[in-house]
Protein backbone atom coordinates (compact mmCIF):
# COMPACT_ATOMS: atom_id res chain seq x y z
CA UNK A 1 171.86 -158.64 8.35
CA UNK A 2 171.48 -160.68 5.17
CA UNK A 3 175.11 -161.80 5.35
CA UNK A 4 174.74 -162.76 9.00
CA UNK A 5 171.57 -164.71 8.21
CA UNK A 6 173.25 -166.59 5.36
CA UNK A 7 176.28 -167.34 7.56
CA UNK A 8 174.06 -168.75 10.32
CA UNK A 9 172.07 -170.77 7.81
CA UNK A 10 175.26 -172.34 6.47
CA UNK A 11 176.51 -173.07 9.99
CA UNK A 12 173.20 -174.77 10.89
CA UNK A 13 172.72 -176.63 7.60
CA UNK A 14 172.22 -180.34 8.31
CA UNK A 15 172.78 -181.45 4.71
CA UNK A 16 176.59 -181.16 4.71
CA UNK A 17 179.38 -181.63 7.21
CA UNK A 18 180.42 -178.00 6.76
CA UNK A 19 177.08 -176.98 8.22
CA UNK A 20 175.73 -178.02 11.60
CA UNK A 21 178.08 -180.99 12.02
CA UNK A 22 181.25 -178.91 11.69
CA UNK A 23 179.79 -176.22 13.94
CA UNK A 24 179.06 -178.77 16.65
CA UNK A 25 182.58 -180.21 16.32
CA UNK A 26 184.18 -176.79 16.74
CA UNK A 27 181.97 -176.00 19.74
CA UNK A 28 183.02 -179.28 21.35
CA UNK A 29 186.68 -178.44 20.75
CA UNK A 30 186.27 -174.99 22.29
CA UNK A 31 184.37 -176.28 25.33
CA UNK A 32 186.79 -179.16 25.92
CA UNK A 33 189.86 -176.93 25.62
CA UNK A 34 188.33 -174.42 28.03
CA UNK A 35 187.54 -177.17 30.55
CA UNK A 36 191.00 -178.68 30.29
CA UNK A 37 192.69 -175.30 30.63
CA UNK A 38 190.61 -174.51 33.70
CA UNK A 39 191.50 -177.83 35.33
CA UNK A 40 195.16 -177.43 34.47
CA UNK A 41 195.26 -173.93 35.95
CA UNK A 42 193.63 -175.16 39.17
CA UNK A 43 196.00 -178.12 39.47
CA UNK A 44 199.13 -176.05 38.90
CA UNK A 45 197.99 -173.36 41.36
CA UNK A 46 197.15 -175.89 44.12
CA UNK A 47 193.74 -174.26 44.31
CA UNK A 48 190.45 -175.42 45.83
CA UNK A 49 190.21 -178.20 43.25
CA UNK A 50 193.41 -179.81 44.54
CA UNK A 51 192.08 -179.79 48.10
CA UNK A 52 188.84 -181.34 46.87
CA UNK A 53 190.80 -184.03 45.02
CA UNK A 54 192.67 -184.99 48.16
CA UNK A 55 189.52 -184.94 50.26
CA UNK A 56 187.62 -187.10 47.75
CA UNK A 57 190.54 -189.50 47.45
CA UNK A 58 190.62 -190.02 51.22
CA UNK A 59 186.85 -190.46 51.51
CA UNK A 60 186.68 -192.99 48.67
CA UNK A 61 189.68 -194.93 49.95
CA UNK A 62 188.07 -195.25 53.39
CA UNK A 63 184.97 -196.86 51.85
CA UNK A 64 186.39 -199.35 49.36
CA UNK A 65 185.26 -202.98 49.52
CA UNK A 66 186.86 -206.17 48.17
CA UNK A 67 184.01 -206.59 45.69
CA UNK A 68 184.35 -203.00 44.54
CA UNK A 69 188.10 -203.34 44.12
CA UNK A 70 187.66 -206.52 42.06
CA UNK A 71 185.02 -204.96 39.81
CA UNK A 72 186.84 -201.70 39.19
CA UNK A 73 190.18 -203.43 38.73
CA UNK A 74 188.54 -205.44 35.93
CA UNK A 75 187.11 -202.29 34.37
CA UNK A 76 190.50 -200.61 34.62
CA UNK A 77 192.19 -203.49 32.84
CA UNK A 78 189.57 -203.67 30.07
CA UNK A 79 189.82 -199.93 29.46
CA UNK A 80 193.61 -199.73 29.77
CA UNK A 81 195.80 -198.03 27.15
CA UNK A 82 197.28 -201.38 25.95
CA UNK A 83 193.78 -202.68 25.19
CA UNK A 84 192.89 -199.43 23.45
CA UNK A 85 196.13 -199.59 21.45
CA UNK A 86 195.20 -203.12 20.38
CA UNK A 87 191.84 -201.76 19.21
CA UNK A 88 193.67 -198.99 17.38
CA UNK A 89 195.96 -201.39 15.53
CA UNK A 90 193.07 -203.73 14.63
CA UNK A 91 191.01 -200.84 13.29
CA UNK A 92 193.91 -199.43 11.27
CA UNK A 93 194.51 -202.81 9.64
CA UNK A 94 190.80 -203.14 8.85
CA UNK A 95 190.61 -199.74 7.14
CA UNK A 96 193.82 -200.37 5.26
CA UNK A 97 192.56 -203.69 3.93
CA UNK A 98 189.20 -202.20 2.94
CA UNK A 99 190.90 -199.33 1.13
CA UNK A 100 189.38 -196.48 3.15
CA UNK A 101 192.27 -193.98 3.38
CA UNK A 102 190.38 -191.15 5.08
CA UNK A 103 189.06 -193.36 7.88
CA UNK A 104 192.48 -195.02 8.16
CA UNK A 105 194.25 -191.69 8.64
CA UNK A 106 191.54 -190.32 10.95
CA UNK A 107 191.58 -193.46 13.10
CA UNK A 108 195.38 -193.53 13.26
CA UNK A 109 195.60 -189.83 14.06
CA UNK A 110 193.06 -190.13 16.86
CA UNK A 111 194.84 -193.01 18.59
CA UNK A 112 198.43 -192.05 17.78
CA UNK A 113 198.00 -188.33 18.42
CA UNK A 114 196.01 -189.00 21.57
CA UNK A 115 198.78 -191.18 22.98
CA UNK A 116 201.43 -188.56 22.22
CA UNK A 117 199.33 -185.76 23.75
CA UNK A 118 198.73 -187.80 26.90
CA UNK A 119 202.44 -188.44 27.46
CA UNK A 120 203.39 -184.83 26.73
CA UNK A 121 200.78 -183.51 29.17
CA UNK A 122 201.87 -185.90 31.91
CA UNK A 123 205.47 -184.76 31.61
CA UNK A 124 204.59 -181.08 31.42
CA UNK A 125 202.24 -181.09 34.42
CA UNK A 126 204.38 -183.50 36.47
CA UNK A 127 201.65 -184.24 39.05
CA UNK A 128 202.35 -186.97 41.59
CA UNK A 129 199.98 -189.88 42.08
CA UNK A 130 197.59 -190.25 45.03
CA UNK A 131 199.10 -192.14 48.00
CA UNK A 132 196.77 -195.16 48.06
CA UNK A 133 196.98 -196.92 44.70
CA UNK A 134 200.54 -198.22 44.43
CA UNK A 135 199.34 -201.84 44.20
CA UNK A 136 197.48 -201.07 40.95
CA UNK A 137 200.28 -199.25 39.16
CA UNK A 138 202.67 -200.84 36.69
CA UNK A 139 205.88 -198.86 36.92
CA UNK A 140 205.90 -195.15 37.65
CA UNK A 141 204.16 -192.35 35.78
CA UNK A 142 202.53 -189.02 36.48
CA UNK A 143 198.91 -188.47 37.39
CA UNK A 144 197.45 -185.69 35.22
CA UNK A 145 195.72 -186.45 32.92
CA UNK A 146 194.51 -190.03 33.33
CA UNK A 147 195.76 -192.14 30.43
CA UNK A 148 193.05 -194.76 30.96
CA UNK A 149 190.33 -192.10 30.83
CA UNK A 150 191.81 -190.42 27.80
CA UNK A 151 192.46 -193.52 25.70
CA UNK A 152 189.16 -195.25 26.59
CA UNK A 153 187.32 -192.06 25.57
CA UNK A 154 189.20 -191.96 22.26
CA UNK A 155 188.70 -195.68 21.62
CA UNK A 156 184.96 -195.74 22.35
CA UNK A 157 184.19 -192.46 20.57
CA UNK A 158 186.09 -193.44 17.44
CA UNK A 159 184.47 -196.88 17.42
CA UNK A 160 180.99 -195.34 17.57
CA UNK A 161 181.96 -192.78 14.90
CA UNK A 162 183.21 -195.47 12.53
CA UNK A 163 180.15 -197.69 13.03
CA UNK A 164 177.87 -194.74 12.31
CA UNK A 165 179.88 -193.72 9.22
CA UNK A 166 180.16 -197.21 7.77
CA UNK A 167 176.92 -198.94 8.79
CA UNK A 168 174.61 -195.90 9.02
CA UNK A 169 172.38 -197.42 11.74
CA UNK A 170 169.04 -195.88 12.69
CA UNK A 171 168.58 -193.41 15.52
CA UNK A 172 167.66 -196.06 18.16
CA UNK A 173 170.83 -198.03 17.43
CA UNK A 174 172.96 -194.90 17.48
CA UNK A 175 171.48 -193.97 20.85
CA UNK A 176 172.23 -197.40 22.29
CA UNK A 177 175.80 -197.29 20.97
CA UNK A 178 176.39 -193.81 22.38
CA UNK A 179 174.94 -194.74 25.78
CA UNK A 180 176.97 -197.96 25.97
CA UNK A 181 180.17 -196.11 25.04
CA UNK A 182 179.47 -193.36 27.58
CA UNK A 183 178.77 -195.90 30.34
CA UNK A 184 181.99 -197.76 29.60
CA UNK A 185 184.07 -194.57 29.60
CA UNK A 186 182.48 -193.41 32.87
CA UNK A 187 183.17 -196.76 34.55
CA UNK A 188 186.79 -196.78 33.41
CA UNK A 189 187.26 -193.26 34.74
CA UNK A 190 185.54 -194.14 38.03
CA UNK A 191 187.76 -197.21 38.36
CA UNK A 192 190.90 -195.08 38.36
CA UNK A 193 189.60 -192.95 41.22
CA UNK A 194 188.22 -195.94 43.16
CA UNK A 195 191.54 -197.80 42.90
CA UNK A 196 193.34 -194.71 44.20
CA UNK A 197 195.64 -194.25 41.22
CA UNK A 198 194.12 -190.94 40.04
CA UNK A 199 192.38 -187.91 41.46
CA UNK A 200 188.93 -186.96 40.07
CA UNK A 201 190.40 -183.99 38.18
CA UNK A 202 192.89 -186.31 36.45
CA UNK A 203 189.98 -188.29 35.03
CA UNK A 204 187.97 -185.24 33.93
CA UNK A 205 191.14 -183.74 32.44
CA UNK A 206 191.68 -186.92 30.43
CA UNK A 207 188.14 -186.80 29.12
CA UNK A 208 188.46 -183.12 28.18
CA UNK A 209 191.76 -183.60 26.34
CA UNK A 210 190.39 -186.64 24.52
CA UNK A 211 187.16 -184.86 23.55
CA UNK A 212 189.07 -181.94 22.08
CA UNK A 213 191.43 -184.15 20.08
CA UNK A 214 188.73 -186.52 18.79
CA UNK A 215 186.55 -183.58 17.75
CA UNK A 216 189.47 -182.10 15.80
CA UNK A 217 190.14 -185.43 14.03
CA UNK A 218 186.48 -185.94 13.12
CA UNK A 219 186.10 -182.34 11.96
CA UNK A 220 189.14 -182.59 9.66
CA UNK A 221 187.91 -185.91 8.28
CA UNK A 222 184.51 -184.37 7.59
CA UNK A 223 186.03 -181.46 5.71
CA UNK A 224 188.11 -183.84 3.56
CA UNK A 225 185.12 -186.03 2.77
CA UNK A 226 183.00 -182.97 1.97
CA UNK A 227 185.57 -181.69 -0.51
CA UNK A 228 185.44 -185.05 -2.25
CA UNK A 229 181.72 -184.57 -2.78
CA UNK A 230 180.71 -186.72 0.16
CA UNK A 231 177.86 -185.76 2.49
CA UNK A 232 176.62 -187.58 5.57
CA UNK A 233 173.22 -188.15 4.00
CA UNK A 234 174.81 -189.97 1.05
CA UNK A 235 176.61 -192.45 3.26
């Protein structure tokens, strides 16, 4: 019992990354992987989820408006992978110039690894696009997972993470940043469904894959910083 108590105390210790912060990161990884695996299994088996996707796609397409298409097309462009890649390059240059190797590697791994994972998953799953959104597609690609959803999640989450690590804002500012990032990611994901270029499960799958990968990157960075004698409270 004493060993179990000490283990739980270490896992819930707020003073170091190897305590509560690492535990939360690993729980996020596990939950995100489970969600993605469940979605992938349902998509490959043409289960109830696939029928729901098609039903939702038809219902949404029948209710689109010119104003809605204009708004969500703008959101889709702002949250597109090319824009997120531009953010990734700008951030990498910034960290390189400032001489922050851990943040540079973490940032680069999140964006670069996320892009590779997205393309691999698309080719492995090989899901065709919905029938309504051809006008909003550049070239041809597969549907699951949504690249816009995945890369916008990675971009916004990493941006919030870096601001918190570097600037150490107070709780109200962190809350505002997190809410703004979440709202942006949700709107980008919704735009892909509204424009008819993705099914709802494509978007959720992109979020799940991105959450798992970002949590891994942040967890590894935290372990490295901890071993260098760095704690979150000292930042």
